[in-house]
Amino acid sequence: MKRLRKEERPREKLLTYGASKLTTSELLAIFLRSGIQGKSAVVIANELLTQFGGVKGIFEADKGELLQIEGLGEAKVAQIKAVHALAEEYLKERMKSGRQVLNSKEMFEYLYLTMRDLKKETFKVIYLDGANQIIDAENLFEGTLNASSVYPREIVKSAIRKNAVALIFAHNHPSGEPAPSESDRAITEDLVYACNTVQLKVLDHIIIGDNRYFSFADEGLIEAYNRTFVDLKERSGANR
C-alpha cells in the first residue's frame, strides 16, 4: 500500500472522493487494512472476491474457508465477520426507522442479508402501523414450517400487544428455492383468515430464497384469500 501514491490508496480515496469512487476490491481492502510481503490488501481483496464469487460469498464463507486464502489470518477473518455483522445490524435498524414499506422488493432487500444464511426455516413477523411504517419485527417460529408449527393465535396476540394495524410475514427456504410449498400456501391462508377476524390486515408473505423471493401479494394470493374469507363469512351469515 505504501508504494501507491497517496491519492490512489483506498482509504485516502474514500475520504477524498467518497465510497462511490472506489471499487469493491478497494472497499474490502480498507477493512483488511494491510497485505503481506508481495501482496497488497487490494490484491488479497481481489482474490477473495474471485474465490468466493463476490461479497455475498465472502460473507457466507466460514472461518476455515477464509483462512485458506493466503494473507488472511484470524484477525482479518474477524474483521470480515464484524463487517458482515454490522451490515446486518444496520439493515435491522433501518427496517425499524419509521420508513414506509412500499413494495415486496423493498421488503426483500431489508430481509435478505439477515435471513439468507439461516440453516433452519425461520418465520418472521413484521408489524406495521396504519401508515405502513414498521413498528417492530421478530422471529416467532423456527424449524420446518407446517400447519402445526405456526400458531395464528400467537401472532394475533403479539400484533394486538404491539398495536399493529397490518402485518407482513416472511420466512426463508434454506434450499435457496423460494417457490411456496402446499404447506406454505395453507399457512398463509390460515393466517389471513385469522387476522381478518380481528381486523388485522395482512399485506404480504415473502419467501426468501437464494437472491430470489416469492411474494404472495405480488401473485394475487393475499387478495384471493381475503375474498374467500369474505365469501365464507357472507355464506355463514346467510345460513343463520
Protein backbone atom coordinates (compact mmCIF):
# COMPACT_ATOMS: atom_id res chain seq x y z
CA MET A 1 0.00 0.00 0.00
CA LYS A 2 2.90 2.36 0.71
CA ARG A 3 4.09 2.10 -2.91
CA LEU A 4 0.85 3.64 -4.12
CA ARG A 5 0.54 7.39 -4.47
CA LYS A 6 -1.43 8.75 -1.51
CA GLU A 7 -4.42 9.72 -3.67
CA GLU A 8 -4.57 6.13 -5.01
CA ARG A 9 -4.73 4.43 -1.62
CA PRO A 10 -8.28 3.19 -0.89
CA ARG A 11 -8.58 4.90 2.48
CA GLU A 12 -7.47 8.25 1.12
CA LYS A 13 -9.67 7.85 -1.96
CA LEU A 14 -12.66 7.12 0.25
CA LEU A 15 -12.13 10.21 2.37
CA THR A 16 -11.37 12.44 -0.60
CA TYR A 17 -13.84 11.27 -3.23
CA GLY A 18 -16.46 9.16 -1.39
CA ALA A 19 -17.32 5.45 -1.46
CA SER A 20 -18.90 5.63 -4.93
CA LYS A 21 -15.45 6.22 -6.45
CA LEU A 22 -13.99 3.01 -5.04
CA THR A 23 -14.18 -0.49 -6.49
CA THR A 24 -15.48 -3.36 -4.38
CA SER A 25 -11.88 -4.59 -4.04
CA GLU A 26 -10.76 -1.22 -2.71
CA LEU A 27 -13.61 -1.07 -0.19
CA LEU A 28 -12.80 -4.55 1.05
CA ALA A 29 -9.09 -3.68 1.23
CA ILE A 30 -9.88 -0.90 3.71
CA PHE A 31 -11.25 -3.48 6.15
CA LEU A 32 -8.31 -5.82 5.55
CA ARG A 33 -6.04 -2.84 6.37
CA SER A 34 -2.76 -4.41 5.22
CA GLY A 35 -1.35 -7.01 2.91
CA ILE A 36 1.63 -9.35 3.17
CA GLN A 37 5.03 -9.49 1.50
CA GLY A 38 4.38 -9.33 -2.25
CA LYS A 39 0.60 -8.89 -1.89
CA SER A 40 -1.23 -5.65 -1.20
CA ALA A 41 -4.54 -5.59 0.61
CA VAL A 42 -6.20 -4.82 -2.75
CA VAL A 43 -4.69 -7.96 -4.30
CA ILE A 44 -5.91 -10.09 -1.38
CA ALA A 45 -9.35 -8.48 -1.69
CA ASN A 46 -9.44 -9.35 -5.40
CA GLU A 47 -8.51 -12.95 -4.62
CA LEU A 48 -11.29 -13.15 -2.04
CA LEU A 49 -13.88 -11.79 -4.47
CA THR A 50 -12.74 -14.21 -7.20
CA GLN A 51 -12.57 -17.25 -4.91
CA PHE A 52 -15.99 -16.71 -3.32
CA GLY A 53 -17.81 -15.13 -6.26
CA GLY A 54 -18.38 -11.71 -4.70
CA VAL A 55 -19.19 -10.08 -1.37
CA LYS A 56 -22.15 -12.39 -0.76
CA GLY A 57 -19.90 -15.45 -0.97
CA ILE A 58 -17.30 -13.89 1.31
CA PHE A 59 -19.89 -13.12 3.96
CA GLU A 60 -21.34 -16.63 3.72
CA ALA A 61 -17.95 -18.38 3.92
CA ASP A 62 -16.98 -19.94 7.23
CA LYS A 63 -13.79 -19.25 9.13
CA GLY A 64 -11.96 -22.30 7.74
CA GLU A 65 -12.67 -21.38 4.13
CA LEU A 66 -11.47 -17.82 4.62
CA LEU A 67 -8.26 -18.90 6.37
CA GLN A 68 -7.28 -20.86 3.26
CA ILE A 69 -6.68 -17.56 1.42
CA GLU A 70 -3.02 -16.56 1.62
CA GLY A 71 -2.69 -13.34 3.57
CA LEU A 72 -5.73 -13.92 5.77
CA GLY A 73 -5.20 -14.69 9.42
CA GLU A 74 -7.69 -14.88 12.25
CA ALA A 75 -7.58 -11.11 12.80
CA LYS A 76 -8.57 -10.34 9.20
CA VAL A 77 -11.25 -13.03 9.23
CA ALA A 78 -12.64 -11.47 12.41
CA GLN A 79 -12.71 -8.09 10.65
CA ILE A 80 -14.68 -9.56 7.73
CA LYS A 81 -17.16 -11.22 10.09
CA ALA A 82 -17.52 -7.97 12.02
CA VAL A 83 -18.30 -6.05 8.82
CA HIS A 84 -20.97 -8.63 7.97
CA ALA A 85 -22.50 -8.36 11.45
CA LEU A 86 -22.50 -4.55 11.27
CA ALA A 87 -24.20 -4.63 7.88
CA GLU A 88 -26.91 -6.90 9.29
CA GLU A 89 -27.39 -4.61 12.30
CA TYR A 90 -27.64 -1.58 10.01
CA LEU A 91 -30.39 -3.24 7.99
CA LYS A 92 -32.29 -4.21 11.14
CA GLU A 93 -32.16 -0.64 12.46
CA ARG A 94 -33.03 0.81 9.06
CA MET A 95 -36.01 -1.52 8.79
CA LYS A 96 -37.37 -0.14 12.07
CA SER A 97 -36.53 3.52 11.44
CA GLY A 98 -40.08 4.61 10.61
CA ARG A 99 -39.72 4.15 6.86
CA GLN A 100 -42.88 3.29 4.98
CA VAL A 101 -42.91 -0.13 3.36
CA LEU A 102 -43.93 0.34 -0.25
CA ASN A 103 -43.45 -2.99 -2.04
CA SER A 104 -42.17 -6.55 -1.81
CA LYS A 105 -38.81 -5.74 -3.42
CA GLU A 106 -38.02 -3.20 -0.72
CA MET A 107 -39.04 -5.69 1.97
CA PHE A 108 -36.86 -8.38 0.38
CA GLU A 109 -33.86 -6.05 0.36
CA TYR A 110 -34.37 -5.39 4.07
CA LEU A 111 -34.66 -9.06 4.93
CA TYR A 112 -32.27 -10.81 2.58
CA LEU A 113 -28.96 -10.21 4.32
CA THR A 114 -30.27 -11.31 7.71
CA MET A 115 -32.28 -14.36 6.53
CA ARG A 116 -30.42 -15.87 3.59
CA ASP A 117 -27.79 -17.76 5.64
CA LEU A 118 -30.16 -19.30 8.21
CA LYS A 119 -29.78 -23.07 8.30
CA LYS A 120 -33.35 -23.65 9.51
CA GLU A 121 -36.59 -22.24 8.24
CA THR A 122 -37.39 -19.20 10.36
CA PHE A 123 -40.76 -17.46 10.37
CA LYS A 124 -40.61 -13.69 10.89
CA VAL A 125 -43.46 -11.27 11.54
CA ILE A 126 -43.13 -7.58 10.65
CA TYR A 127 -45.59 -5.34 12.50
CA LEU A 128 -46.78 -2.10 10.86
CA ASP A 129 -48.89 0.87 11.89
CA GLY A 130 -51.73 2.48 9.92
CA ALA A 131 -49.26 4.32 7.66
CA ASN A 132 -47.45 1.06 6.80
CA GLN A 133 -44.44 2.10 8.88
CA ILE A 134 -42.60 -0.67 10.67
CA ILE A 135 -43.18 -0.85 14.41
CA ASP A 136 -41.18 -3.98 15.10
CA ALA A 137 -40.04 -7.28 13.63
CA GLU A 138 -39.41 -10.57 15.35
CA ASN A 139 -38.71 -14.22 14.64
CA LEU A 140 -41.56 -16.25 16.10
CA PHE A 141 -41.12 -19.80 14.86
CA GLU A 142 -38.19 -21.95 13.75
CA GLY A 143 -37.92 -25.31 12.03
CA THR A 144 -39.74 -26.94 9.16
CA LEU A 145 -42.92 -24.91 8.72
CA ASN A 146 -46.26 -26.69 8.69
CA ALA A 147 -49.74 -26.10 9.99
CA SER A 148 -48.79 -27.38 13.44
CA SER A 149 -45.68 -25.21 13.88
CA VAL A 150 -47.07 -21.73 13.10
CA TYR A 151 -49.71 -20.53 15.55
CA PRO A 152 -52.07 -17.81 14.22
CA ARG A 153 -53.38 -17.12 17.74
CA GLU A 154 -49.87 -16.25 18.99
CA ILE A 155 -49.30 -13.94 16.03
CA VAL A 156 -52.61 -12.15 16.59
CA LYS A 157 -51.90 -11.75 20.32
CA SER A 158 -48.47 -10.31 19.60
CA ALA A 159 -49.86 -7.92 16.96
CA ILE A 160 -52.53 -6.61 19.34
CA ARG A 161 -49.96 -6.17 22.09
CA LYS A 162 -47.81 -4.05 19.74
CA ASN A 163 -50.83 -2.03 18.50
CA ALA A 164 -50.14 -3.16 14.95
CA VAL A 165 -52.64 -2.47 12.19
CA ALA A 166 -51.01 -4.56 9.44
CA LEU A 167 -48.59 -7.46 9.19
CA ILE A 168 -46.06 -8.83 6.75
CA PHE A 169 -44.89 -12.42 7.13
CA ALA A 170 -41.57 -13.72 5.88
CA HIS A 171 -39.66 -16.95 6.05
CA ASN A 172 -36.61 -18.41 4.37
CA HIS A 173 -36.08 -21.55 2.32
CA PRO A 174 -32.55 -22.85 3.12
CA SER A 175 -32.61 -24.77 -0.19
CA GLY A 176 -32.48 -21.43 -2.00
CA GLU A 177 -35.67 -22.12 -3.97
CA PRO A 178 -38.36 -19.60 -2.96
CA ALA A 179 -41.37 -21.28 -4.61
CA PRO A 180 -44.07 -21.90 -1.96
CA SER A 181 -44.96 -25.40 -0.86
CA GLU A 182 -48.53 -26.51 -0.32
CA SER A 183 -47.89 -26.09 3.41
CA ASP A 184 -46.71 -22.50 2.82
CA ARG A 185 -49.92 -21.75 0.95
CA ALA A 186 -52.10 -23.35 3.62
CA ILE A 187 -50.35 -21.49 6.45
CA THR A 188 -50.71 -18.18 4.65
CA GLU A 189 -54.41 -18.74 4.01
CA ASP A 190 -54.98 -19.65 7.67
CA LEU A 191 -53.12 -16.53 8.80
CA VAL A 192 -55.12 -14.25 6.50
CA TYR A 193 -58.36 -15.72 7.86
CA ALA A 194 -57.23 -15.39 11.50
CA CYS A 195 -56.13 -11.78 11.02
CA ASN A 196 -59.37 -10.88 9.25
CA THR A 197 -61.36 -11.97 12.30
CA VAL A 198 -59.73 -9.20 14.39
CA GLN A 199 -59.44 -6.64 11.58
CA LEU A 200 -55.69 -7.03 11.12
CA LYS A 201 -54.54 -6.52 7.55
CA VAL A 202 -52.07 -8.95 6.01
CA LEU A 203 -50.01 -7.11 3.40
CA ASP A 204 -47.77 -9.93 2.22
CA HIS A 205 -45.95 -13.17 2.92
CA ILE A 206 -42.47 -13.20 1.40
CA ILE A 207 -40.36 -16.33 0.98
CA ILE A 208 -36.63 -15.64 0.89
CA GLY A 209 -34.53 -17.82 -1.42
CA ASP A 210 -31.04 -17.51 -2.87
CA ASN A 211 -31.06 -13.94 -4.19
CA ARG A 212 -34.71 -14.50 -5.16
CA TYR A 213 -38.03 -14.23 -3.43
CA PHE A 214 -41.69 -15.14 -3.77
CA SER A 215 -44.38 -12.63 -2.82
CA PHE A 216 -47.89 -13.89 -2.09
CA ALA A 217 -49.19 -10.35 -2.60
CA ASP A 218 -47.48 -9.88 -5.97
CA GLU A 219 -49.00 -13.17 -7.16
CA GLY A 220 -52.51 -12.05 -6.11
CA LEU A 221 -52.82 -14.73 -3.43
CA ILE A 222 -53.34 -12.44 -0.44
CA GLU A 223 -56.22 -10.75 -2.25
CA ALA A 224 -57.65 -14.14 -3.21
CA TYR A 225 -57.53 -15.38 0.40
CA ASN A 226 -59.24 -12.19 1.57
CA ARG A 227 -62.03 -12.67 -0.99
CA THR A 228 -62.51 -16.27 0.09
CA PHE A 229 -62.76 -15.19 3.74
CA VAL A 230 -65.41 -12.60 2.87
CA ASP A 231 -67.36 -15.16 0.80
CA LEU A 232 -67.28 -17.70 3.64
CA LYS A 233 -68.41 -15.06 6.14
CA GLU A 234 -71.32 -13.98 3.93
CA ARG A 235 -72.42 -17.59 3.38
CA SER A 236 -72.23 -18.25 7.11
CA GLY A 237 -74.40 -15.21 7.78
CA ALA A 238 -76.92 -16.21 5.12
CA ASN A 239 -77.28 -19.71 6.62
CA ARG A 240 -78.15 -18.47 10.10
